[in-house]
């Protein structure tokens, strides 16, 4: 988690997006869904999201919000 936060701090252009996404995810998704997502992304149900992937996802979210 600390590595993800450090990576995020290096990208101030997505801080607001990170707050909005965090707010939407405040109700934690079903554990079965999270395992499914980790399997589809990393091939392992117990994998942890990589910091670079978090930044990429937030950049995508920001672009999606701007396109709406």
PDB file of N, CA and C in Angstrom:
ATOM      1  N   UNK A   1       0.815  -1.188   0.000  1.00  0.00           N
ATOM      2  CA  UNK A   1       0.000   0.000   0.000  1.00  0.00           C
ATOM      3  C   UNK A   1       0.863   1.258   0.000  1.00  0.00           C
ATOM      4  N   UNK A   2       1.934   1.245   0.787  1.00  0.00           N
ATOM      5  CA  UNK A   2       2.812   2.420   0.859  1.00  0.00           C
ATOM      6  C   UNK A   2       3.434   2.718  -0.501  1.00  0.00           C
ATOM      7  N   UNK A   3       3.791   1.672  -1.236  1.00  0.00           N
ATOM      8  CA  UNK A   3       4.374   1.881  -2.570  1.00  0.00           C
ATOM      9  C   UNK A   3       3.339   2.505  -3.504  1.00  0.00           C
ATOM     10  N   UNK A   4       2.093   2.092  -3.385  1.00  0.00           N
ATOM     11  CA  UNK A   4       1.032   2.663  -4.226  1.00  0.00           C
ATOM     12  C   UNK A   4       0.810   4.132  -3.893  1.00  0.00           C
ATOM     13  N   UNK A   5       0.805   4.461  -2.615  1.00  0.00           N
ATOM     14  CA  UNK A   5       0.621   5.856  -2.202  1.00  0.00           C
ATOM     15  C   UNK A   5       1.792   6.700  -2.692  1.00  0.00           C
ATOM     16  N   UNK A   6       3.009   6.193  -2.546  1.00  0.00           N
ATOM     17  CA  UNK A   6       4.187   6.927  -3.014  1.00  0.00           C
ATOM     18  C   UNK A   6       4.116   7.154  -4.520  1.00  0.00           C
ATOM     19  N   UNK A   7       3.695   6.146  -5.258  1.00  0.00           N
ATOM     20  CA  UNK A   7       3.577   6.268  -6.716  1.00  0.00           C
ATOM     21  C   UNK A   7       2.511   7.303  -7.065  1.00  0.00           C
ATOM     22  N   UNK A   8       1.403   7.275  -6.342  1.00  0.00           N
ATOM     23  CA  UNK A   8       0.323   8.222  -6.584  1.00  0.00           C
ATOM     24  C   UNK A   8       0.760   9.652  -6.279  1.00  0.00           C
ATOM     25  N   UNK A   9       1.524   9.843  -5.220  1.00  0.00           N
ATOM     26  CA  UNK A   9       1.991  11.186  -4.858  1.00  0.00           C
ATOM     27  C   UNK A   9       2.875  11.796  -5.947  1.00  0.00           C
ATOM     28  N   UNK A  10       3.506  10.955  -6.735  1.00  0.00           N
ATOM     29  CA  UNK A  10       4.357  11.436  -7.821  1.00  0.00           C
ATOM     30  C   UNK A  10       3.545  11.899  -9.033  1.00  0.00           C
ATOM     31  N   UNK A  11       2.214  11.737  -8.974  1.00  0.00           N
ATOM     32  CA  UNK A  11       1.341  12.103 -10.096  1.00  0.00           C
ATOM     33  C   UNK A  11       0.219  13.016  -9.606  1.00  0.00           C
ATOM     34  N   UNK A  12       0.532  14.277  -9.290  1.00  0.00           N
ATOM     35  CA  UNK A  12      -0.499  15.179  -8.747  1.00  0.00           C
ATOM     36  C   UNK A  12      -1.675  15.421  -9.688  1.00  0.00           C
ATOM     37  N   UNK A  13      -1.493  15.181 -10.964  1.00  0.00           N
ATOM     38  CA  UNK A  13      -2.579  15.393 -11.921  1.00  0.00           C
ATOM     39  C   UNK A  13      -3.732  14.420 -11.753  1.00  0.00           C
ATOM     40  N   UNK A  14      -3.532  13.345 -10.996  1.00  0.00           N
ATOM     41  CA  UNK A  14      -4.615  12.376 -10.800  1.00  0.00           C
ATOM     42  C   UNK A  14      -5.072  12.298  -9.342  1.00  0.00           C
ATOM     43  N   UNK A  15      -4.611  13.208  -8.487  1.00  0.00           N
ATOM     44  CA  UNK A  15      -5.008  13.171  -7.084  1.00  0.00           C
ATOM     45  C   UNK A  15      -6.515  13.309  -6.908  1.00  0.00           C
ATOM     46  N   UNK A  16      -7.111  14.273  -7.585  1.00  0.00           N
ATOM     47  CA  UNK A  16      -8.554  14.475  -7.465  1.00  0.00           C
ATOM     48  C   UNK A  16      -9.316  13.250  -7.967  1.00  0.00           C
ATOM     49  N   UNK A  17      -8.851  12.678  -9.064  1.00  0.00           N
ATOM     50  CA  UNK A  17      -9.468  11.458  -9.593  1.00  0.00           C
ATOM     51  C   UNK A  17      -9.357  10.337  -8.570  1.00  0.00           C
ATOM     52  N   UNK A  18      -8.199  10.214  -7.934  1.00  0.00           N
ATOM     53  CA  UNK A  18      -7.999   9.170  -6.923  1.00  0.00           C
ATOM     54  C   UNK A  18      -8.988   9.348  -5.768  1.00  0.00           C
ATOM     55  N   UNK A  19      -9.223  10.575  -5.366  1.00  0.00           N
ATOM     56  CA  UNK A  19     -10.198  10.825  -4.295  1.00  0.00           C
ATOM     57  C   UNK A  19     -11.608  10.428  -4.720  1.00  0.00           C
ATOM     58  N   UNK A  20     -11.972  10.781  -5.955  1.00  0.00           N
ATOM     59  CA  UNK A  20     -13.309  10.427  -6.441  1.00  0.00           C
ATOM     60  C   UNK A  20     -13.477   8.913  -6.553  1.00  0.00           C
ATOM     61  N   UNK A  21     -12.473   8.235  -7.093  1.00  0.00           N
ATOM     62  CA  UNK A  21     -12.545   6.782  -7.230  1.00  0.00           C
ATOM     63  C   UNK A  21     -12.574   6.143  -5.839  1.00  0.00           C
ATOM     64  N   UNK A  22     -11.752   6.636  -4.941  1.00  0.00           N
ATOM     65  CA  UNK A  22     -11.748   6.120  -3.577  1.00  0.00           C
ATOM     66  C   UNK A  22     -13.106   6.272  -2.910  1.00  0.00           C
ATOM     67  N   UNK A  23     -13.760   7.403  -3.135  1.00  0.00           N
ATOM     68  CA  UNK A  23     -15.086   7.629  -2.568  1.00  0.00           C
ATOM     69  C   UNK A  23     -16.093   6.622  -3.116  1.00  0.00           C
ATOM     70  N   UNK A  24     -16.010   6.374  -4.435  1.00  0.00           N
ATOM     71  CA  UNK A  24     -16.933   5.407  -5.041  1.00  0.00           C
ATOM     72  C   UNK A  24     -16.693   3.997  -4.515  1.00  0.00           C
ATOM     73  N   UNK A  25     -15.446   3.693  -4.159  1.00  0.00           N
ATOM     74  CA  UNK A  25     -15.102   2.349  -3.681  1.00  0.00           C
ATOM     75  C   UNK A  25     -15.131   2.241  -2.155  1.00  0.00           C
ATOM     76  N   UNK A  26     -15.671   3.233  -1.469  1.00  0.00           N
ATOM     77  CA  UNK A  26     -15.671   3.223   0.000  1.00  0.00           C
ATOM     78  C   UNK A  26     -16.423   2.016   0.546  1.00  0.00           C
ATOM     79  N   UNK A  27     -17.420   1.559  -0.186  1.00  0.00           N
ATOM     80  CA  UNK A  27     -18.079   0.304   0.146  1.00  0.00           C
ATOM     81  C   UNK A  27     -17.303  -0.763  -0.608  1.00  0.00           C
ATOM     82  N   UNK A  28     -16.543  -1.545   0.150  1.00  0.00           N
ATOM     83  CA  UNK A  28     -15.602  -2.482  -0.468  1.00  0.00           C
ATOM     84  C   UNK A  28     -16.326  -3.499  -1.328  1.00  0.00           C
ATOM     85  N   UNK A  29     -15.827  -3.738  -2.551  1.00  0.00           N
ATOM     86  CA  UNK A  29     -16.455  -4.721  -3.447  1.00  0.00           C
ATOM     87  C   UNK A  29     -16.423  -6.133  -2.846  1.00  0.00           C
ATOM     88  N   UNK A  30     -17.317  -6.957  -3.319  1.00  0.00           N
ATOM     89  CA  UNK A  30     -17.410  -8.350  -2.891  1.00  0.00           C
ATOM     90  C   UNK A  30     -16.047  -9.039  -3.058  1.00  0.00           C
ATOM     91  N   UNK A  31     -15.580  -9.774  -2.055  1.00  0.00           N
ATOM     92  CA  UNK A  31     -14.281 -10.457  -2.147  1.00  0.00           C
ATOM     93  C   UNK A  31     -14.178 -11.405  -3.349  1.00  0.00           C
ATOM     94  N   UNK A  32     -15.280 -12.052  -3.709  1.00  0.00           N
ATOM     95  CA  UNK A  32     -15.255 -12.949  -4.870  1.00  0.00           C
ATOM     96  C   UNK A  32     -14.967 -12.168  -6.148  1.00  0.00           C
ATOM     97  N   UNK A  33     -15.535 -10.965  -6.249  1.00  0.00           N
ATOM     98  CA  UNK A  33     -15.276 -10.125  -7.416  1.00  0.00           C
ATOM     99  C   UNK A  33     -13.814  -9.689  -7.459  1.00  0.00           C
ATOM    100  N   UNK A  34     -13.272  -9.310  -6.307  1.00  0.00           N
ATOM    101  CA  UNK A  34     -11.864  -8.899  -6.270  1.00  0.00           C
ATOM    102  C   UNK A  34     -10.939 -10.045  -6.661  1.00  0.00           C
ATOM    103  N   UNK A  35     -11.233 -11.247  -6.193  1.00  0.00           N
ATOM    104  CA  UNK A  35     -10.428 -12.414  -6.588  1.00  0.00           C
ATOM    105  C   UNK A  35     -10.515 -12.627  -8.096  1.00  0.00           C
ATOM    106  N   UNK A  36     -11.723 -12.522  -8.636  1.00  0.00           N
ATOM    107  CA  UNK A  36     -11.908 -12.669 -10.081  1.00  0.00           C
ATOM    108  C   UNK A  36     -11.073 -11.643 -10.842  1.00  0.00           C
ATOM    109  N   UNK A  37     -11.093 -10.381 -10.389  1.00  0.00           N
ATOM    110  CA  UNK A  37     -10.319  -9.328 -11.063  1.00  0.00           C
ATOM    111  C   UNK A  37      -8.828  -9.598 -10.988  1.00  0.00           C
ATOM    112  N   UNK A  38      -8.345 -10.102  -9.859  1.00  0.00           N
ATOM    113  CA  UNK A  38      -6.910 -10.401  -9.724  1.00  0.00           C
ATOM    114  C   UNK A  38      -6.520 -11.567 -10.631  1.00  0.00           C
ATOM    115  N   UNK A  39      -7.416 -12.556 -10.762  1.00  0.00           N
ATOM    116  CA  UNK A  39      -7.139 -13.675 -11.673  1.00  0.00           C
ATOM    117  C   UNK A  39      -7.094 -13.185 -13.111  1.00  0.00           C
ATOM    118  N   UNK A  40      -8.048 -12.339 -13.499  1.00  0.00           N
ATOM    119  CA  UNK A  40      -8.069 -11.871 -14.887  1.00  0.00           C
ATOM    120  C   UNK A  40      -6.923 -10.925 -15.199  1.00  0.00           C
ATOM    121  N   UNK A  41      -6.421 -10.220 -14.193  1.00  0.00           N
ATOM    122  CA  UNK A  41      -5.326  -9.273 -14.440  1.00  0.00           C
ATOM    123  C   UNK A  41      -3.954  -9.898 -14.265  1.00  0.00           C
ATOM    124  N   UNK A  42      -3.784 -10.685 -13.183  1.00  0.00           N
ATOM    125  CA  UNK A  42      -2.451 -11.192 -12.835  1.00  0.00           C
ATOM    126  C   UNK A  42      -2.331 -12.716 -12.868  1.00  0.00           C
ATOM    127  N   UNK A  43      -3.464 -13.403 -13.054  1.00  0.00           N
ATOM    128  CA  UNK A  43      -3.413 -14.862 -13.077  1.00  0.00           C
ATOM    129  C   UNK A  43      -3.341 -15.489 -11.701  1.00  0.00           C
ATOM    130  N   UNK A  44      -3.602 -14.714 -10.643  1.00  0.00           N
ATOM    131  CA  UNK A  44      -3.498 -15.210  -9.275  1.00  0.00           C
ATOM    132  C   UNK A  44      -4.547 -14.494  -8.423  1.00  0.00           C
ATOM    133  N   UNK A  45      -5.435 -15.267  -7.825  1.00  0.00           N
ATOM    134  CA  UNK A  45      -6.511 -14.687  -7.018  1.00  0.00           C
ATOM    135  C   UNK A  45      -5.994 -13.925  -5.806  1.00  0.00           C
ATOM    136  N   UNK A  46      -4.778 -14.199  -5.385  1.00  0.00           N
ATOM    137  CA  UNK A  46      -4.226 -13.556  -4.189  1.00  0.00           C
ATOM    138  C   UNK A  46      -3.214 -12.456  -4.513  1.00  0.00           C
ATOM    139  N   UNK A  47      -3.128 -12.091  -5.770  1.00  0.00           N
ATOM    140  CA  UNK A  47      -2.195 -11.033  -6.181  1.00  0.00           C
ATOM    141  C   UNK A  47      -2.649  -9.694  -5.608  1.00  0.00           C
ATOM    142  N   UNK A  48      -1.708  -8.786  -5.474  1.00  0.00           N
ATOM    143  CA  UNK A  48      -1.998  -7.420  -5.047  1.00  0.00           C
ATOM    144  C   UNK A  48      -1.781  -6.496  -6.244  1.00  0.00           C
ATOM    145  N   UNK A  49      -2.648  -5.512  -6.439  1.00  0.00           N
ATOM    146  CA  UNK A  49      -2.463  -4.578  -7.557  1.00  0.00           C
ATOM    147  C   UNK A  49      -1.101  -3.893  -7.467  1.00  0.00           C
ATOM    148  N   UNK A  50      -0.449  -3.766  -8.599  1.00  0.00           N
ATOM    149  CA  UNK A  50       0.862  -3.114  -8.656  1.00  0.00           C
ATOM    150  C   UNK A  50       0.678  -1.595  -8.690  1.00  0.00           C
ATOM    151  N   UNK A  51       1.588  -0.860  -8.051  1.00  0.00           N
ATOM    152  CA  UNK A  51       1.475   0.613  -8.035  1.00  0.00           C
ATOM    153  C   UNK A  51       1.358   1.222  -9.428  1.00  0.00           C
ATOM    154  N   UNK A  52       2.141   0.747 -10.391  1.00  0.00           N
ATOM    155  CA  UNK A  52       2.057   1.291 -11.750  1.00  0.00           C
ATOM    156  C   UNK A  52       0.679   1.044 -12.358  1.00  0.00           C
ATOM    157  N   UNK A  53       0.085  -0.108 -12.047  1.00  0.00           N
ATOM    158  CA  UNK A  53      -1.248  -0.404 -12.566  1.00  0.00           C
ATOM    159  C   UNK A  53      -2.297   0.508 -11.942  1.00  0.00           C
ATOM    160  N   UNK A  54      -2.118   0.857 -10.683  1.00  0.00           N
ATOM    161  CA  UNK A  54      -3.026   1.800 -10.026  1.00  0.00           C
ATOM    162  C   UNK A  54      -2.977   3.155 -10.722  1.00  0.00           C
ATOM    163  N   UNK A  55      -1.783   3.639 -10.996  1.00  0.00           N
ATOM    164  CA  UNK A  55      -1.634   4.934 -11.671  1.00  0.00           C
ATOM    165  C   UNK A  55      -2.260   4.873 -13.062  1.00  0.00           C
ATOM    166  N   UNK A  56      -2.017   3.800 -13.798  1.00  0.00           N
ATOM    167  CA  UNK A  56      -2.592   3.650 -15.133  1.00  0.00           C
ATOM    168  C   UNK A  56      -4.111   3.646 -15.072  1.00  0.00           C
ATOM    169  N   UNK A  57      -4.668   2.939 -14.102  1.00  0.00           N
ATOM    170  CA  UNK A  57      -6.125   2.891 -13.940  1.00  0.00           C
ATOM    171  C   UNK A  57      -6.685   4.277 -13.630  1.00  0.00           C
ATOM    172  N   UNK A  58      -6.034   5.003 -12.730  1.00  0.00           N
ATOM    173  CA  UNK A  58      -6.525   6.341 -12.378  1.00  0.00           C
ATOM    174  C   UNK A  58      -6.401   7.311 -13.549  1.00  0.00           C
ATOM    175  N   UNK A  59      -5.360   7.174 -14.349  1.00  0.00           N
ATOM    176  CA  UNK A  59      -5.231   8.011 -15.543  1.00  0.00           C
ATOM    177  C   UNK A  59      -6.353   7.704 -16.524  1.00  0.00           C
ATOM    178  N   UNK A  60      -6.707   6.429 -16.640  1.00  0.00           N
ATOM    179  CA  UNK A  60      -7.822   6.040 -17.503  1.00  0.00           C
ATOM    180  C   UNK A  60      -9.121   6.626 -16.970  1.00  0.00           C
ATOM    181  N   UNK A  61      -9.327   6.537 -15.649  1.00  0.00           N
ATOM    182  CA  UNK A  61     -10.541   7.107 -15.043  1.00  0.00           C
ATOM    183  C   UNK A  61     -10.638   8.605 -15.322  1.00  0.00           C
ATOM    184  N   UNK A  62      -9.514   9.309 -15.184  1.00  0.00           N
ATOM    185  CA  UNK A  62      -9.508  10.747 -15.428  1.00  0.00           C
ATOM    186  C   UNK A  62      -9.868  11.047 -16.882  1.00  0.00           C
ATOM    187  N   UNK A  63      -9.281  10.311 -17.813  1.00  0.00           N
ATOM    188  CA  UNK A  63      -9.575  10.511 -19.236  1.00  0.00           C
ATOM    189  C   UNK A  63     -11.052  10.222 -19.521  1.00  0.00           C
ATOM    190  N   UNK A  64     -11.593   9.187 -18.902  1.00  0.00           N
ATOM    191  CA  UNK A  64     -12.997   8.825 -19.082  1.00  0.00           C
ATOM    192  C   UNK A  64     -13.903   9.938 -18.552  1.00  0.00           C
ATOM    193  N   UNK A  65     -13.567  10.480 -17.375  1.00  0.00           N
ATOM    194  CA  UNK A  65     -14.365  11.569 -16.799  1.00  0.00           C
ATOM    195  C   UNK A  65     -14.336  12.798 -17.708  1.00  0.00           C
ATOM    196  N   UNK A  66     -13.185  13.096 -18.274  1.00  0.00           N
ATOM    197  CA  UNK A  66     -13.062  14.270 -19.144  1.00  0.00           C
ATOM    198  C   UNK A  66     -13.800  14.067 -20.466  1.00  0.00           C
ATOM    199  N   UNK A  67     -13.894  12.826 -20.925  1.00  0.00           N
ATOM    200  CA  UNK A  67     -14.557  12.545 -22.196  1.00  0.00           C
ATOM    201  C   UNK A  67     -16.072  12.611 -22.077  1.00  0.00           C
ATOM    202  N   UNK A  68     -16.605  12.494 -20.860  1.00  0.00           N
ATOM    203  CA  UNK A  68     -18.059  12.512 -20.671  1.00  0.00           C
ATOM    204  C   UNK A  68     -18.605  13.854 -20.896  1.00  0.00           C
TER     205      UNK A  68
END
